[in-house]
């Protein structure tokens, strides 16, 4: 009788029979690896073969956290709040945020510097920026470091920023003869987060034809 042999089927996909969408955050925190895992690519980076398309499972808490962080910087409280809004349990959310911090994806100091620069560029004064940073429960050291970073980059000339803001918003040539307009300009700067000395100084400088 002719002897026949059988061949055991070879498992496809990732080791252990796991499909690529079963994995958690890739080791090393690589965005490319994360994208490959999320798209169902094979370990070699090739797209899945035709006819083998698998239904994608819901992202893990760590993957959700990373998807937020690759868009922009987040503070830890902000990241926890967004994960909770997506239905992640507090313990799982806290673990995911800690993993992001340990891998270097999340950093409160980096977040503080980024937010301070963004708000300063957008025309906000230091008092308002500091108040917003405090809402993220950042310690005083990180807030101070954010302002030091602005100063080091030459972006903390608040009197000049105040004058530039007024010139974009008002007809500053009218300041000399219009006290009501000057008061309005001062109030505007105070609302934007500049202190009183800076606000009054900016209006006086522009009234007197000085800028710089």
Protein backbone atom coordinates (compact mmCIF):
# COMPACT_ATOMS: atom_id res chain seq x y z
CA UNK A 1 0.00 0.00 0.00
CA UNK A 2 1.30 3.40 -0.92
CA UNK A 3 2.20 5.39 2.14
CA UNK A 4 0.76 8.87 2.27
CA UNK A 5 1.95 11.73 4.39
CA UNK A 6 -0.01 14.62 5.73
CA UNK A 7 1.30 18.07 6.36
CA UNK A 8 0.19 20.06 9.37
CA UNK A 9 -1.21 23.45 8.36
CA UNK A 10 1.16 26.29 9.06
CA UNK A 11 -0.35 29.01 11.22
CA UNK A 12 -0.36 32.41 9.63
CA UNK A 13 -0.13 35.79 11.27
CA UNK A 14 1.85 36.64 14.37
CA UNK A 15 3.54 34.16 16.74
CA UNK A 16 1.17 32.25 18.98
CA UNK A 17 -1.65 32.46 16.45
CA UNK A 18 -2.43 36.08 17.41
CA UNK A 19 -3.66 38.33 14.67
CA UNK A 20 -1.95 41.67 14.35
CA UNK A 21 -4.92 43.59 15.73
CA UNK A 22 -4.68 41.68 19.02
CA UNK A 23 -1.44 43.39 20.00
CA UNK A 24 -1.10 46.26 22.41
CA UNK A 25 1.27 49.24 22.15
CA UNK A 26 4.36 48.18 20.17
CA UNK A 27 7.61 47.90 22.09
CA UNK A 28 9.75 51.00 21.88
CA UNK A 29 6.83 53.36 21.32
CA UNK A 30 7.24 53.50 17.54
CA UNK A 31 4.47 55.35 15.72
CA UNK A 32 5.22 53.35 12.56
CA UNK A 33 4.88 50.10 14.46
CA UNK A 34 1.66 51.32 16.05
CA UNK A 35 0.21 52.21 12.64
CA UNK A 36 1.20 48.83 11.23
CA UNK A 37 -0.47 47.03 14.12
CA UNK A 38 -3.61 49.11 13.83
CA UNK A 39 -3.90 48.58 10.06
CA UNK A 40 -3.63 44.79 10.16
CA UNK A 41 -0.24 44.64 8.42
CA UNK A 42 1.97 41.60 8.84
CA UNK A 43 5.09 41.56 10.99
CA UNK A 44 7.16 42.36 7.88
CA UNK A 45 5.04 45.44 7.15
CA UNK A 46 3.19 43.94 4.15
CA UNK A 47 -0.56 44.50 3.83
CA UNK A 48 -2.82 41.54 4.66
CA UNK A 49 -3.36 39.10 1.80
CA UNK A 50 -6.58 39.28 -0.19
CA UNK A 51 -9.37 37.32 1.41
CA UNK A 52 -7.75 37.45 4.85
CA UNK A 53 -9.06 40.79 5.95
CA UNK A 54 -9.87 40.70 9.63
CA UNK A 55 -12.32 42.79 11.55
CA UNK A 56 -10.45 45.40 13.56
CA UNK A 57 -10.96 45.26 17.27
CA UNK A 58 -11.43 48.26 19.51
CA UNK A 59 -8.21 50.06 20.41
CA UNK A 60 -6.68 49.34 23.80
CA UNK A 61 -6.37 52.17 26.36
CA UNK A 62 -2.66 52.55 25.54
CA UNK A 63 -3.39 52.78 21.82
CA UNK A 64 -6.10 55.37 22.44
CA UNK A 65 -3.69 57.41 24.55
CA UNK A 66 -1.00 57.24 21.88
CA UNK A 67 -3.45 58.25 19.16
CA UNK A 68 -4.14 61.44 21.13
CA UNK A 69 -0.48 62.17 21.84
CA UNK A 70 0.69 61.87 18.25
CA UNK A 71 -1.63 64.77 17.40
CA UNK A 72 -0.37 67.18 20.06
CA UNK A 73 1.05 67.38 23.58
CA UNK A 74 -1.32 66.59 26.47
CA UNK A 75 -0.94 66.98 30.21
CA UNK A 76 -1.58 63.90 32.34
CA UNK A 77 -4.92 65.20 33.72
CA UNK A 78 -6.07 66.15 30.23
CA UNK A 79 -5.15 62.73 28.85
CA UNK A 80 -6.94 60.96 31.71
CA UNK A 81 -10.04 63.09 31.13
CA UNK A 82 -10.14 62.29 27.42
CA UNK A 83 -9.68 58.57 28.01
CA UNK A 84 -12.50 58.62 30.56
CA UNK A 85 -14.72 60.36 28.00
CA UNK A 86 -14.03 57.42 25.67
CA UNK A 87 -15.30 54.96 28.25
CA UNK A 88 -11.94 53.81 29.64
CA UNK A 89 -12.06 52.74 33.29
CA UNK A 90 -10.01 54.97 35.65
CA UNK A 91 -7.49 52.25 36.57
CA UNK A 92 -6.91 51.30 32.93
CA UNK A 93 -6.63 54.95 31.93
CA UNK A 94 -4.09 55.66 34.66
CA UNK A 95 -2.03 52.65 33.60
CA UNK A 96 -2.10 53.77 29.96
CA UNK A 97 -1.00 57.30 30.85
CA UNK A 98 1.84 55.97 32.99
CA UNK A 99 2.99 53.79 30.10
CA UNK A 100 3.00 56.83 27.81
CA UNK A 101 5.01 58.81 30.37
CA UNK A 102 7.52 56.01 30.89
CA UNK A 103 7.99 55.61 27.12
CA UNK A 104 8.53 59.35 26.65
CA UNK A 105 5.36 59.99 24.68
CA UNK A 106 3.84 62.11 27.46
CA UNK A 107 5.75 64.76 29.37
CA UNK A 108 4.15 67.51 31.48
CA UNK A 109 7.16 69.80 31.13
CA UNK A 110 7.07 69.53 27.36
CA UNK A 111 3.31 70.10 27.41
CA UNK A 112 3.70 73.24 29.53
CA UNK A 113 6.30 74.74 27.19
CA UNK A 114 4.19 73.93 24.14
CA UNK A 115 1.01 75.44 25.59
CA UNK A 116 2.78 78.58 26.81
CA UNK A 117 4.30 79.18 23.38
CA UNK A 118 0.99 78.59 21.62
CA UNK A 119 -0.90 80.99 23.87
CA UNK A 120 1.77 83.69 23.70
CA UNK A 121 1.76 83.50 19.91
CA UNK A 122 -2.03 83.75 20.02
CA UNK A 123 -1.90 87.07 21.88
CA UNK A 124 -2.38 86.02 25.49
CA UNK A 125 -0.47 87.62 28.33
CA UNK A 126 1.56 85.86 31.03
CA UNK A 127 -1.13 86.01 33.73
CA UNK A 128 -3.67 84.21 31.58
CA UNK A 129 -1.11 81.67 30.39
CA UNK A 130 -0.02 80.90 33.95
CA UNK A 131 -3.65 80.50 35.05
CA UNK A 132 -4.36 78.06 32.23
CA UNK A 133 -1.26 76.01 33.00
CA UNK A 134 -2.39 75.80 36.62
CA UNK A 135 -5.69 74.22 35.55
CA UNK A 136 -3.66 71.22 34.35
CA UNK A 137 -2.35 70.72 37.91
CA UNK A 138 1.23 71.36 36.85
CA UNK A 139 3.68 72.10 39.62
CA UNK A 140 5.27 75.54 39.96
CA UNK A 141 8.60 74.29 38.65
CA UNK A 142 7.17 73.16 35.32
CA UNK A 143 5.23 76.41 34.90
CA UNK A 144 8.33 78.47 35.65
CA UNK A 145 10.36 76.36 33.21
CA UNK A 146 7.78 77.02 30.48
CA UNK A 147 8.22 80.78 30.86
CA UNK A 148 11.99 80.39 31.00
CA UNK A 149 11.80 78.53 27.70
CA UNK A 150 9.87 81.43 26.16
CA UNK A 151 12.45 83.90 27.44
CA UNK A 152 15.35 81.81 26.15
CA UNK A 153 13.78 81.85 22.68
CA UNK A 154 13.19 85.61 22.78
CA UNK A 155 9.41 85.20 22.99
CA UNK A 156 8.78 86.77 26.39
CA UNK A 157 8.92 90.49 25.54
CA UNK A 158 5.45 91.12 26.96
CA UNK A 159 5.43 94.94 26.52
CA UNK A 160 6.26 94.51 22.83
CA UNK A 161 3.66 91.78 22.45
CA UNK A 162 1.07 94.07 24.05
CA UNK A 163 1.90 96.95 21.70
CA UNK A 164 1.80 94.68 18.65
CA UNK A 165 -1.59 93.35 19.74
CA UNK A 166 -3.01 96.87 20.09
CA UNK A 167 -1.68 97.93 16.70
CA UNK A 168 -3.44 95.00 15.07
CA UNK A 169 -6.73 95.74 16.80
CA UNK A 170 -7.03 99.52 17.13
CA UNK A 171 -6.39 102.73 15.27
CA UNK A 172 -3.57 103.68 17.61
CA UNK A 173 -3.16 107.06 15.93
CA UNK A 174 -6.44 108.02 17.65
CA UNK A 175 -5.10 107.25 21.14
CA UNK A 176 -3.74 110.77 21.63
CA UNK A 177 -7.13 112.49 21.35
CA UNK A 178 -9.48 109.72 22.52
CA UNK A 179 -9.26 108.86 26.26
CA UNK A 180 -12.22 106.46 25.96
CA UNK A 181 -10.40 104.48 23.29
CA UNK A 182 -7.30 104.35 25.48
CA UNK A 183 -9.33 102.97 28.39
CA UNK A 184 -10.89 100.41 26.08
CA UNK A 185 -7.45 99.32 24.90
CA UNK A 186 -6.20 98.94 28.48
CA UNK A 187 -9.23 96.83 29.41
CA UNK A 188 -8.64 94.67 26.36
CA UNK A 189 -5.06 93.92 27.39
CA UNK A 190 -6.09 93.17 30.97
CA UNK A 191 -8.65 90.65 29.72
CA UNK A 192 -5.98 89.03 27.57
CA UNK A 193 -3.86 88.40 30.64
CA UNK A 194 -1.36 91.28 30.68
CA UNK A 195 -0.68 92.99 34.00
CA UNK A 196 -1.70 96.58 34.63
CA UNK A 197 1.75 98.07 34.26
CA UNK A 198 2.25 96.43 30.86
CA UNK A 199 -1.24 97.38 29.66
CA UNK A 200 -1.01 101.07 30.62
CA UNK A 201 2.58 101.26 29.40
CA UNK A 202 1.66 99.88 25.98
CA UNK A 203 -1.17 102.38 25.53
CA UNK A 204 0.99 105.31 26.65
CA UNK A 205 3.80 104.29 24.31
CA UNK A 206 1.48 104.12 21.31
CA UNK A 207 -0.24 107.37 22.31
CA UNK A 208 3.16 109.05 22.31
CA UNK A 209 4.10 107.49 18.98
CA UNK A 210 6.54 104.96 20.43
CA UNK A 211 6.67 101.25 19.68
CA UNK A 212 9.88 99.55 20.70
